[in-house]
Amino acid sequence: MSMICNTNPIRIGLVADEPIRLAGLASIFDQPAQQNHAQLLPVTGPLEKLLARTTLRYLVVDLHAFSGGVEALDAIRRIRPDIRLIVIGPKGNDELVMNSIVAGARAYLDLTAGPAVVRQAIEVVTEGSIWAPRRLLSRLIDRLLEAGEPSPATANPQLTPREQQVLELILQARSTREIAAELSIEERTVKAYVARLMRKTGVDNRVKLSMSALSLSLVQKKDASKDAETGRE
């Protein structure tokens, strides 16, 4: 399988409330990029200045820096709906994890996560995937399903066999890289299939794609209920 390596560096904004926390986050980027991964460059500064940088697409947010918690994430998303959030917060609060993802977080890490795990989560998010406990993603999909039915305009989309394979792997919490390896195709091809699936189901992210897939019975719901405690979409 031929893999295309992205050599363009990706800048990651960092938001924390204490200099020592900020220095700890910045140190994660000291190690060189892994094979087939772009170089990650930390960007620090006041939140308002980071959000004003339209070329900045990723933001690591330490929830301890905000008194509002999830409300702060909502505020960030209102200003920059295109930005992808990696959230660091308390451990053991499943409701906070799910609410953070609903508010736009692409990853949630607790304070016990080591530098290697944080960097891996950031890399997964820059690949276009979600990092969160798989059991919580399954519960989140259940919650979204209970919130409403799919739009009639997106009912019963016709999927090709390959699109069906990609969709089933998404519901198994596989990353873009893992799907590419499983199907022996390039990562950019996986991204193209994901984009096509989103267009067909009328959604704009993978969580909503999973919700639509289950509510439209495009795949069997049991595929989304893997019991692994940690993982990625």
Protein backbone atom coordinates (compact mmCIF):
# COMPACT_ATOMS: atom_id res chain seq x y z
CA MET A 1 0.00 0.00 0.00
CA SER A 2 1.40 3.37 -0.98
CA MET A 3 1.04 6.02 1.72
CA ILE A 4 1.31 9.75 1.08
CA CYS A 5 3.21 11.68 3.73
CA ASN A 6 2.05 15.22 4.45
CA THR A 7 5.18 17.32 4.89
CA ASN A 8 3.38 20.57 5.70
CA PRO A 9 3.61 21.37 9.43
CA ILE A 10 0.35 21.65 11.37
CA ARG A 11 0.08 24.40 13.99
CA ILE A 12 -1.72 23.53 17.22
CA GLY A 13 -2.96 26.30 19.52
CA LEU A 14 -2.49 25.74 23.27
CA VAL A 15 -4.73 27.24 25.98
CA ALA A 16 -3.95 26.69 29.68
CA ASP A 17 -4.37 28.73 32.85
CA GLU A 18 -0.91 28.22 34.37
CA PRO A 19 2.56 28.66 32.82
CA ILE A 20 3.65 25.22 34.07
CA ARG A 21 0.65 23.55 32.39
CA LEU A 22 1.37 25.46 29.19
CA ALA A 23 5.04 24.46 29.28
CA GLY A 24 4.04 20.83 29.82
CA LEU A 25 1.72 20.90 26.80
CA ALA A 26 4.34 22.61 24.63
CA SER A 27 6.92 19.93 25.54
CA ILE A 28 4.74 17.31 23.85
CA PHE A 29 5.80 18.75 20.51
CA ASP A 30 9.54 18.39 21.15
CA GLN A 31 9.70 14.92 19.64
CA PRO A 32 9.96 14.65 15.84
CA ALA A 33 6.98 13.67 13.70
CA GLN A 34 6.34 9.97 13.21
CA GLN A 35 6.44 8.39 9.77
CA ASN A 36 3.52 9.50 7.57
CA HIS A 37 2.61 12.24 10.07
CA ALA A 38 3.01 15.97 9.60
CA GLN A 39 5.20 17.94 11.97
CA LEU A 40 3.17 19.49 14.80
CA LEU A 41 4.06 23.02 15.92
CA PRO A 42 2.69 24.55 19.16
CA VAL A 43 1.27 28.07 19.11
CA THR A 44 0.68 29.92 22.38
CA GLY A 45 -0.94 33.21 23.27
CA PRO A 46 -4.20 34.70 24.56
CA LEU A 47 -7.28 32.79 23.43
CA GLU A 48 -8.71 35.73 21.50
CA LYS A 49 -5.51 36.05 19.47
CA LEU A 50 -5.40 32.33 18.76
CA LEU A 51 -9.00 32.38 17.53
CA ALA A 52 -8.20 35.38 15.33
CA ARG A 53 -5.61 33.31 13.45
CA THR A 54 -7.78 31.95 10.66
CA THR A 55 -5.07 29.50 9.57
CA LEU A 56 -5.11 27.83 13.00
CA ARG A 57 -7.40 24.81 12.74
CA TYR A 58 -6.65 22.93 15.98
CA LEU A 59 -6.80 24.02 19.61
CA VAL A 60 -5.82 22.15 22.78
CA VAL A 61 -7.97 23.50 25.62
CA ASP A 62 -7.31 22.85 29.31
CA LEU A 63 -10.76 23.16 30.90
CA HIS A 64 -9.13 24.36 34.12
CA ALA A 65 -8.46 27.62 32.28
CA PHE A 66 -12.20 28.36 32.17
CA SER A 67 -14.80 28.62 34.90
CA GLY A 68 -17.60 27.90 32.43
CA GLY A 69 -16.45 24.43 31.36
CA VAL A 70 -18.51 23.20 28.42
CA GLU A 71 -20.05 26.67 28.02
CA ALA A 72 -16.55 27.93 27.17
CA LEU A 73 -16.30 25.32 24.41
CA ASP A 74 -19.64 26.48 23.03
CA ALA A 75 -18.36 30.06 23.00
CA ILE A 76 -15.21 29.05 21.13
CA ARG A 77 -17.27 27.15 18.57
CA ARG A 78 -19.55 30.14 18.00
CA ILE A 79 -16.52 32.28 17.17
CA ARG A 80 -14.67 29.61 15.17
CA PRO A 81 -17.03 26.80 14.11
CA ASP A 82 -14.28 25.38 11.91
CA ILE A 83 -11.74 24.85 14.68
CA ARG A 84 -11.15 21.35 16.05
CA LEU A 85 -10.86 21.12 19.82
CA ILE A 86 -8.74 18.74 21.89
CA VAL A 87 -10.01 19.03 25.47
CA ILE A 88 -8.16 18.18 28.70
CA GLY A 89 -10.37 17.87 31.77
CA PRO A 90 -11.22 15.95 34.93
CA LYS A 91 -11.16 12.17 35.05
CA GLY A 92 -14.22 9.99 35.66
CA ASN A 93 -16.91 12.39 34.47
CA ASP A 94 -18.59 10.58 31.58
CA GLU A 95 -21.27 13.23 31.23
CA LEU A 96 -18.63 15.94 30.83
CA VAL A 97 -16.86 13.89 28.15
CA MET A 98 -20.07 13.45 26.15
CA ASN A 99 -21.12 17.07 26.59
CA SER A 100 -17.67 18.19 25.44
CA ILE A 101 -17.97 16.10 22.26
CA VAL A 102 -21.46 17.46 21.63
CA ALA A 103 -19.98 20.96 22.08
CA GLY A 104 -17.46 20.27 19.32
CA ALA A 105 -14.49 18.53 20.97
CA ARG A 106 -12.73 16.00 18.73
CA ALA A 107 -10.78 14.53 21.65
CA TYR A 108 -11.16 14.37 25.42
CA LEU A 109 -8.21 13.53 27.66
CA ASP A 110 -8.09 13.45 31.44
CA LEU A 111 -5.25 14.80 33.55
CA THR A 112 -3.67 11.36 33.94
CA ALA A 113 -2.86 11.16 30.21
CA GLY A 114 0.88 11.11 29.57
CA PRO A 115 2.67 13.13 26.87
CA ALA A 116 2.72 10.21 24.39
CA VAL A 117 -1.04 9.69 24.74
CA VAL A 118 -1.78 13.40 24.34
CA ARG A 119 0.35 13.57 21.21
CA GLN A 120 -1.28 10.45 19.78
CA ALA A 121 -4.72 11.95 20.39
CA ILE A 122 -3.70 15.17 18.62
CA GLU A 123 -2.40 13.17 15.65
CA VAL A 124 -5.67 11.23 15.48
CA VAL A 125 -7.65 14.49 15.45
CA THR A 126 -5.46 15.99 12.72
CA GLU A 127 -6.23 12.86 10.67
CA GLY A 128 -9.92 13.78 10.89
CA SER A 129 -10.93 11.28 13.58
CA ILE A 130 -12.25 11.43 17.14
CA TRP A 131 -10.41 10.29 20.29
CA ALA A 132 -12.67 9.26 23.15
CA PRO A 133 -13.61 6.11 25.07
CA ARG A 134 -15.49 3.88 22.64
CA ARG A 135 -18.15 2.98 25.18
CA LEU A 136 -18.94 6.70 25.52
CA LEU A 137 -19.13 7.17 21.76
CA SER A 138 -21.71 4.39 21.69
CA ARG A 139 -23.70 6.09 24.47
CA LEU A 140 -23.42 9.41 22.66
CA ILE A 141 -24.83 7.89 19.48
CA ASP A 142 -27.73 6.47 21.52
CA ARG A 143 -28.40 9.92 22.95
CA LEU A 144 -28.33 11.58 19.55
CA LEU A 145 -30.66 8.93 18.16
CA GLU A 146 -33.16 9.67 20.91
CA ALA A 147 -32.99 13.40 20.15
CA GLY A 148 -34.56 13.20 16.72
CA GLU A 149 -35.09 11.40 13.45
CA PRO A 150 -33.04 11.89 10.26
CA SER A 151 -34.11 14.42 7.69
CA PRO A 152 -36.36 13.06 4.92
CA ALA A 153 -33.92 14.52 2.42
CA THR A 154 -31.24 12.08 3.58
CA ALA A 155 -33.44 9.01 4.08
CA ASN A 156 -32.28 5.71 2.58
CA PRO A 157 -29.07 6.82 0.81
CA GLN A 158 -27.63 4.20 -1.50
CA LEU A 159 -24.13 3.10 -0.52
CA THR A 160 -21.55 1.26 -2.59
CA PRO A 161 -19.96 -1.87 -1.08
CA ARG A 162 -16.76 0.07 -0.34
CA GLU A 163 -18.69 2.90 1.32
CA GLN A 164 -20.44 0.30 3.46
CA GLN A 165 -17.06 -1.14 4.52
CA VAL A 166 -15.72 2.28 5.46
CA LEU A 167 -18.88 3.12 7.40
CA GLU A 168 -18.76 -0.12 9.37
CA LEU A 169 -15.15 0.57 10.36
CA ILE A 170 -16.03 4.12 11.43
CA LEU A 171 -18.65 2.65 13.75
CA GLN A 172 -15.96 0.37 15.18
CA ALA A 173 -14.09 3.53 16.25
CA ARG A 174 -11.29 3.04 13.71
CA SER A 175 -9.07 5.96 12.77
CA THR A 176 -8.45 7.04 9.19
CA ARG A 177 -5.07 5.32 9.27
CA GLU A 178 -6.54 2.10 10.65
CA ILE A 179 -9.28 2.04 8.01
CA ALA A 180 -6.69 2.57 5.28
CA ALA A 181 -4.61 -0.33 6.59
CA GLU A 182 -7.64 -2.60 6.97
CA LEU A 183 -8.85 -1.97 3.41
CA SER A 184 -5.37 -1.62 1.82
CA ILE A 185 -6.10 1.83 0.45
CA GLU A 186 -4.51 5.25 0.96
CA GLU A 187 -5.56 7.54 3.80
CA ARG A 188 -6.62 10.24 1.33
CA THR A 189 -8.92 7.67 -0.30
CA VAL A 190 -10.50 6.93 3.09
CA LYS A 191 -11.06 10.66 3.62
CA ALA A 192 -12.72 10.87 0.21
CA TYR A 193 -15.08 8.02 1.13
CA VAL A 194 -15.89 9.68 4.47
CA ALA A 195 -16.64 12.97 2.71
CA ARG A 196 -18.90 11.13 0.25
CA LEU A 197 -20.74 9.39 3.10
CA MET A 198 -21.28 12.73 4.82
CA ARG A 199 -22.74 14.23 1.66
CA LYS A 200 -25.07 11.28 1.18
CA THR A 201 -26.33 11.44 4.77
CA GLY A 202 -26.39 15.24 5.00
CA VAL A 203 -24.04 15.58 8.01
CA ASP A 204 -20.80 17.42 8.71
CA ASN A 205 -18.87 15.26 11.18
CA ARG A 206 -18.25 11.62 12.09
CA VAL A 207 -20.42 11.54 15.20
CA LYS A 208 -23.43 12.71 13.20
CA LEU A 209 -22.48 10.27 10.45
CA SER A 210 -22.57 7.44 12.98
CA MET A 211 -25.94 8.63 14.26
CA SER A 212 -27.38 8.76 10.75
CA ALA A 213 -25.95 5.36 9.88
CA LEU A 214 -27.65 3.76 12.86
CA SER A 215 -30.94 5.64 12.61
CA LEU A 216 -31.20 4.82 8.90
CA SER A 217 -30.25 1.17 9.57
CA LEU A 218 -27.32 1.42 7.15
CA VAL A 219 -25.36 -0.94 9.41
CA GLN A 220 -26.10 -3.14 12.38
CA LYS A 221 -26.05 -1.20 15.66
CA LYS A 222 -23.99 -3.86 17.42
CA ASP A 223 -20.97 -2.74 15.39
CA ALA A 224 -20.93 0.55 17.29
CA SER A 225 -20.93 -1.07 20.72
CA LYS A 226 -17.41 -2.38 21.14
CA ASP A 227 -16.50 -2.65 24.80
CA ALA A 228 -12.98 -1.22 24.64
CA GLU A 229 -12.47 1.41 27.32
CA THR A 230 -10.29 3.68 25.20
CA GLY A 231 -9.87 4.28 21.50
CA ARG A 232 -10.53 6.51 18.56
CA GLU A 233 -13.10 6.96 15.89
